Amino acid sequence: MNPKRKNEREKFYKGIKELNRPYQSESVTIKDEYGKPLMKQKEILNRWKQYFESLLKVEIESIEPNEKDKESEEETEEEEQEICERTLEEVRDIIRRMKNGKAPGIDMITVELIEKVQEKKIERKIYNLIRKIRVDEQMSLYWEEEIIYPICKKDDRSVCSNYRGIILLNVTY
């Protein structure tokens, strides 16, 4: 048998074996801001919370609006009014154009699930939800919840600053 072909066959079977083995999660010890390893689950979760809160904290300066800003605000309000007046057909079109295979948010609803449900009913419900938000001018507190998933970007997995966060929002948001 050709040695190259034998090597390819071994790689193939090794790959199949890897696919069939059960998933084993990695246990990574995280260090606090002073470099001390954290062992308790609650401490680790608090460290992640502290890290992402500091990373995502944005301070907004208070600035008095001038005349140019006021004109800009009026234009923006007109644009927002046009955007908010979505039709049911536009909502259907948006749902059709949503990409499959995206991770769900805290509600665990995926694009594929929305597509599989009786289309007309779910489209109407989403449309009514958008109209309600526009009329009430208030978004659901449920939509403010998010999942932050840390992804390691550097070698040392025990340091929070070596991670970047991916924020998973609800699909209907």
C-alpha atoms as a PDB file:
ATOM      1  CA  MET A   1       0.000   0.000   0.000  1.00  0.00           C
ATOM      2  CA  ASN A   2       1.165   3.497  -0.801  1.00  0.00           C
ATOM      3  CA  PRO A   3       2.560   5.156   2.424  1.00  0.00           C
ATOM      4  CA  LYS A   4       0.898   8.476   1.569  1.00  0.00           C
ATOM      5  CA  ARG A   5      -2.488   6.784   1.205  1.00  0.00           C
ATOM      6  CA  LYS A   6      -1.970   4.906   4.501  1.00  0.00           C
ATOM      7  CA  ASN A   7      -1.223   8.201   6.267  1.00  0.00           C
ATOM      8  CA  GLU A   8      -4.399   9.769   4.842  1.00  0.00           C
ATOM      9  CA  ARG A   9      -6.445   6.788   6.008  1.00  0.00           C
ATOM     10  CA  GLU A  10      -4.983   7.084   9.530  1.00  0.00           C
ATOM     11  CA  LYS A  11      -5.844  10.801   9.621  1.00  0.00           C
ATOM     12  CA  PHE A  12      -9.369  10.022   8.470  1.00  0.00           C
ATOM     13  CA  TYR A  13      -9.977   7.421  11.192  1.00  0.00           C
ATOM     14  CA  LYS A  14      -8.370   9.636  13.819  1.00  0.00           C
ATOM     15  CA  GLY A  15     -10.764  12.440  12.799  1.00  0.00           C
ATOM     16  CA  ILE A  16     -13.777  10.108  13.048  1.00  0.00           C
ATOM     17  CA  LYS A  17     -12.627   8.967  16.491  1.00  0.00           C
ATOM     18  CA  GLU A  18     -12.333  12.605  17.632  1.00  0.00           C
ATOM     19  CA  LEU A  19     -15.873  13.344  16.441  1.00  0.00           C
ATOM     20  CA  ASN A  20     -17.307  10.357  18.308  1.00  0.00           C
ATOM     21  CA  ARG A  21     -15.736  11.035  21.682  1.00  0.00           C
ATOM     22  CA  PRO A  22     -17.908  12.758  24.297  1.00  0.00           C
ATOM     23  CA  TYR A  23     -17.379  16.472  24.964  1.00  0.00           C
ATOM     24  CA  GLN A  24     -15.308  17.275  28.027  1.00  0.00           C
ATOM     25  CA  SER A  25     -15.408  20.833  29.255  1.00  0.00           C
ATOM     26  CA  GLU A  26     -12.154  22.471  30.230  1.00  0.00           C
ATOM     27  CA  SER A  27     -11.772  23.755  33.745  1.00  0.00           C
ATOM     28  CA  VAL A  28      -9.884  27.040  33.618  1.00  0.00           C
ATOM     29  CA  THR A  29      -8.740  28.790  36.762  1.00  0.00           C
ATOM     30  CA  ILE A  30      -9.160  32.542  36.521  1.00  0.00           C
ATOM     31  CA  LYS A  31      -6.962  35.008  38.382  1.00  0.00           C
ATOM     32  CA  ASP A  32      -8.280  38.056  40.185  1.00  0.00           C
ATOM     33  CA  GLU A  33      -7.023  41.549  39.360  1.00  0.00           C
ATOM     34  CA  TYR A  34      -3.992  40.982  41.621  1.00  0.00           C
ATOM     35  CA  GLY A  35      -2.977  37.674  40.013  1.00  0.00           C
ATOM     36  CA  LYS A  36      -4.324  35.403  42.769  1.00  0.00           C
ATOM     37  CA  PRO A  37      -6.048  32.251  41.388  1.00  0.00           C
ATOM     38  CA  LEU A  38      -9.767  31.996  42.130  1.00  0.00           C
ATOM     39  CA  MET A  39     -11.074  28.548  42.993  1.00  0.00           C
ATOM     40  CA  LYS A  40     -14.741  28.958  43.916  1.00  0.00           C
ATOM     41  CA  GLN A  41     -17.335  29.167  41.156  1.00  0.00           C
ATOM     42  CA  LYS A  42     -18.956  32.245  42.742  1.00  0.00           C
ATOM     43  CA  GLU A  43     -15.589  34.067  42.885  1.00  0.00           C
ATOM     44  CA  ILE A  44     -14.885  33.236  39.239  1.00  0.00           C
ATOM     45  CA  LEU A  45     -18.319  34.467  38.115  1.00  0.00           C
ATOM     46  CA  ASN A  46     -17.903  37.676  40.134  1.00  0.00           C
ATOM     47  CA  ARG A  47     -14.491  38.248  38.518  1.00  0.00           C
ATOM     48  CA  TRP A  48     -15.976  37.867  35.025  1.00  0.00           C
ATOM     49  CA  LYS A  49     -18.786  40.239  35.974  1.00  0.00           C
ATOM     50  CA  GLN A  50     -16.303  42.792  37.339  1.00  0.00           C
ATOM     51  CA  TYR A  51     -14.083  42.492  34.246  1.00  0.00           C
ATOM     52  CA  PHE A  52     -16.858  42.933  31.669  1.00  0.00           C
ATOM     53  CA  GLU A  53     -18.523  45.735  33.645  1.00  0.00           C
ATOM     54  CA  SER A  54     -15.253  47.667  33.665  1.00  0.00           C
ATOM     55  CA  LEU A  55     -14.682  46.885  29.990  1.00  0.00           C
ATOM     56  CA  LEU A  56     -18.162  47.929  28.876  1.00  0.00           C
ATOM     57  CA  LYS A  57     -18.461  50.974  31.131  1.00  0.00           C
ATOM     58  CA  VAL A  58     -18.951  54.085  29.029  1.00  0.00           C
ATOM     59  CA  GLU A  59     -19.123  57.549  30.493  1.00  0.00           C
ATOM     60  CA  ILE A  60     -21.291  60.048  28.657  1.00  0.00           C
ATOM     61  CA  GLU A  61     -20.460  63.713  28.968  1.00  0.00           C
ATOM     62  CA  SER A  62     -23.280  66.180  29.362  1.00  0.00           C
ATOM     63  CA  ILE A  63     -23.114  68.780  26.594  1.00  0.00           C
ATOM     64  CA  GLU A  64     -25.508  71.674  26.143  1.00  0.00           C
ATOM     65  CA  PRO A  65     -27.106  71.482  22.683  1.00  0.00           C
ATOM     66  CA  ASN A  66     -26.537  74.418  20.336  1.00  0.00           C
ATOM     67  CA  GLU A  67     -28.745  75.580  17.435  1.00  0.00           C
ATOM     68  CA  LYS A  68     -27.085  73.227  14.951  1.00  0.00           C
ATOM     69  CA  ASP A  69     -27.716  70.293  17.267  1.00  0.00           C
ATOM     70  CA  LYS A  70     -31.412  71.261  17.614  1.00  0.00           C
ATOM     71  CA  GLU A  71     -31.845  71.276  13.821  1.00  0.00           C
ATOM     72  CA  SER A  72     -30.131  67.916  13.645  1.00  0.00           C
ATOM     73  CA  GLU A  73     -32.466  66.555  16.351  1.00  0.00           C
ATOM     74  CA  GLU A  74     -35.532  67.606  14.335  1.00  0.00           C
ATOM     75  CA  GLU A  75     -34.186  65.846  11.228  1.00  0.00           C
ATOM     76  CA  THR A  76     -33.391  62.754  13.287  1.00  0.00           C
ATOM     77  CA  GLU A  77     -36.919  62.673  14.734  1.00  0.00           C
ATOM     78  CA  GLU A  78     -38.404  62.784  11.217  1.00  0.00           C
ATOM     79  CA  GLU A  79     -36.101  59.937  10.120  1.00  0.00           C
ATOM     80  CA  GLU A  80     -37.005  57.910  13.207  1.00  0.00           C
ATOM     81  CA  GLN A  81     -40.710  58.383  12.488  1.00  0.00           C
ATOM     82  CA  GLU A  82     -40.216  56.995   8.970  1.00  0.00           C
ATOM     83  CA  ILE A  83     -38.184  54.063  10.293  1.00  0.00           C
ATOM     84  CA  CYS A  84     -40.699  53.237  13.047  1.00  0.00           C
ATOM     85  CA  GLU A  85     -43.653  53.013  10.701  1.00  0.00           C
ATOM     86  CA  ARG A  86     -42.863  49.512   9.530  1.00  0.00           C
ATOM     87  CA  THR A  87     -45.449  47.575   7.619  1.00  0.00           C
ATOM     88  CA  LEU A  88     -46.223  43.923   8.165  1.00  0.00           C
ATOM     89  CA  GLU A  89     -44.695  43.152   4.771  1.00  0.00           C
ATOM     90  CA  GLU A  90     -41.429  44.854   5.794  1.00  0.00           C
ATOM     91  CA  VAL A  91     -41.320  42.756   8.970  1.00  0.00           C
ATOM     92  CA  ARG A  92     -41.861  39.599   6.880  1.00  0.00           C
ATOM     93  CA  ASP A  93     -39.048  40.654   4.558  1.00  0.00           C
ATOM     94  CA  ILE A  94     -36.694  41.306   7.487  1.00  0.00           C
ATOM     95  CA  ILE A  95     -37.471  37.868   8.961  1.00  0.00           C
ATOM     96  CA  ARG A  96     -36.784  36.210   5.594  1.00  0.00           C
ATOM     97  CA  ARG A  97     -33.414  37.989   5.305  1.00  0.00           C
ATOM     98  CA  MET A  98     -32.204  37.056   8.811  1.00  0.00           C
ATOM     99  CA  LYS A  99     -29.187  34.736   8.759  1.00  0.00           C
ATOM    100  CA  ASN A 100     -29.464  31.182  10.049  1.00  0.00           C
ATOM    101  CA  GLY A 101     -26.911  29.581  12.327  1.00  0.00           C
ATOM    102  CA  LYS A 102     -26.596  32.479  14.779  1.00  0.00           C
ATOM    103  CA  ALA A 103     -26.345  31.840  18.500  1.00  0.00           C
ATOM    104  CA  PRO A 104     -29.558  32.624  20.410  1.00  0.00           C
ATOM    105  CA  GLY A 105     -29.834  35.128  23.227  1.00  0.00           C
ATOM    106  CA  ILE A 106     -31.185  34.524  26.697  1.00  0.00           C
ATOM    107  CA  ASP A 107     -34.636  33.598  25.311  1.00  0.00           C
ATOM    108  CA  MET A 108     -33.027  30.730  23.307  1.00  0.00           C
ATOM    109  CA  ILE A 109     -35.116  31.614  20.223  1.00  0.00           C
ATOM    110  CA  THR A 110     -33.209  31.104  16.989  1.00  0.00           C
ATOM    111  CA  VAL A 111     -33.945  32.375  13.485  1.00  0.00           C
ATOM    112  CA  GLU A 112     -34.571  28.778  12.429  1.00  0.00           C
ATOM    113  CA  LEU A 113     -37.270  28.451  15.132  1.00  0.00           C
ATOM    114  CA  ILE A 114     -39.012  31.617  13.936  1.00  0.00           C
ATOM    115  CA  GLU A 115     -38.935  30.285  10.373  1.00  0.00           C
ATOM    116  CA  LYS A 116     -40.356  26.880  11.388  1.00  0.00           C
ATOM    117  CA  VAL A 117     -43.278  28.266  13.410  1.00  0.00           C
ATOM    118  CA  GLN A 118     -46.425  29.066  11.481  1.00  0.00           C
ATOM    119  CA  GLU A 119     -44.981  32.022   9.607  1.00  0.00           C
ATOM    120  CA  LYS A 120     -47.978  34.309   9.484  1.00  0.00           C
ATOM    121  CA  LYS A 121     -48.740  34.070  13.215  1.00  0.00           C
ATOM    122  CA  ILE A 122     -45.176  34.766  14.378  1.00  0.00           C
ATOM    123  CA  GLU A 123     -44.711  37.581  11.856  1.00  0.00           C
ATOM    124  CA  ARG A 124     -47.916  39.232  13.077  1.00  0.00           C
ATOM    125  CA  LYS A 125     -46.814  38.899  16.721  1.00  0.00           C
ATOM    126  CA  ILE A 126     -43.399  40.442  15.999  1.00  0.00           C
ATOM    127  CA  TYR A 127     -45.080  43.227  14.009  1.00  0.00           C
ATOM    128  CA  ASN A 128     -47.495  43.958  16.892  1.00  0.00           C
ATOM    129  CA  LEU A 129     -44.590  43.944  19.331  1.00  0.00           C
ATOM    130  CA  ILE A 130     -42.693  46.510  17.244  1.00  0.00           C
ATOM    131  CA  ARG A 131     -45.798  48.719  17.015  1.00  0.00           C
ATOM    132  CA  LYS A 132     -46.360  48.484  20.781  1.00  0.00           C
ATOM    133  CA  ILE A 133     -42.770  49.514  21.463  1.00  0.00           C
ATOM    134  CA  ARG A 134     -43.167  52.460  19.084  1.00  0.00           C
ATOM    135  CA  VAL A 135     -46.438  53.615  20.670  1.00  0.00           C
ATOM    136  CA  ASP A 136     -45.335  53.122  24.286  1.00  0.00           C
ATOM    137  CA  GLU A 137     -41.812  54.381  23.531  1.00  0.00           C
ATOM    138  CA  GLN A 138     -40.518  51.768  25.926  1.00  0.00           C
ATOM    139  CA  MET A 139     -38.621  48.584  25.201  1.00  0.00           C
ATOM    140  CA  SER A 140     -39.090  45.444  27.257  1.00  0.00           C
ATOM    141  CA  LEU A 141     -36.662  45.067  30.151  1.00  0.00           C
ATOM    142  CA  TYR A 142     -36.353  41.462  29.003  1.00  0.00           C
ATOM    143  CA  TRP A 143     -34.546  42.695  25.887  1.00  0.00           C
ATOM    144  CA  GLU A 144     -31.929  44.421  28.004  1.00  0.00           C
ATOM    145  CA  GLU A 145     -30.706  41.049  29.249  1.00  0.00           C
ATOM    146  CA  GLU A 146     -27.782  39.610  27.368  1.00  0.00           C
ATOM    147  CA  ILE A 147     -25.299  36.781  27.520  1.00  0.00           C
ATOM    148  CA  ILE A 148     -21.636  37.712  27.410  1.00  0.00           C
ATOM    149  CA  TYR A 149     -19.553  34.796  26.186  1.00  0.00           C
ATOM    150  CA  PRO A 150     -15.783  35.153  26.755  1.00  0.00           C
ATOM    151  CA  ILE A 151     -13.511  34.022  23.907  1.00  0.00           C
ATOM    152  CA  CYS A 152      -9.795  33.646  24.584  1.00  0.00           C
ATOM    153  CA  LYS A 153      -7.610  35.744  22.271  1.00  0.00           C
ATOM    154  CA  LYS A 154      -4.183  35.187  23.874  1.00  0.00           C
ATOM    155  CA  ASP A 155      -2.246  32.283  25.398  1.00  0.00           C
ATOM    156  CA  ASP A 156      -2.727  32.703  29.156  1.00  0.00           C
ATOM    157  CA  ARG A 157      -6.313  31.561  29.737  1.00  0.00           C
ATOM    158  CA  SER A 158      -6.252  32.452  33.431  1.00  0.00           C
ATOM    159  CA  VAL A 159      -6.202  36.246  32.841  1.00  0.00           C
ATOM    160  CA  CYS A 160      -9.533  37.899  32.023  1.00  0.00           C
ATOM    161  CA  SER A 161      -7.910  40.629  29.934  1.00  0.00           C
ATOM    162  CA  ASN A 162      -6.804  37.939  27.456  1.00  0.00           C
ATOM    163  CA  TYR A 163     -10.448  37.418  26.498  1.00  0.00           C
ATOM    164  CA  ARG A 164     -12.874  39.349  24.361  1.00  0.00           C
ATOM    165  CA  GLY A 165     -16.577  39.136  24.941  1.00  0.00           C
ATOM    166  CA  ILE A 166     -19.249  38.261  22.444  1.00  0.00           C
ATOM    167  CA  ILE A 167     -22.639  39.616  23.459  1.00  0.00           C
ATOM    168  CA  LEU A 168     -25.570  37.400  22.506  1.00  0.00           C
ATOM    169  CA  LEU A 169     -28.841  39.296  22.133  1.00  0.00           C
ATOM    170  CA  ASN A 170     -32.317  37.958  21.540  1.00  0.00           C
ATOM    171  CA  VAL A 171     -33.045  37.405  17.836  1.00  0.00           C
ATOM    172  CA  THR A 172     -36.246  39.450  17.915  1.00  0.00           C
ATOM    173  CA  TYR A 173     -34.342  42.407  19.331  1.00  0.00           C
END
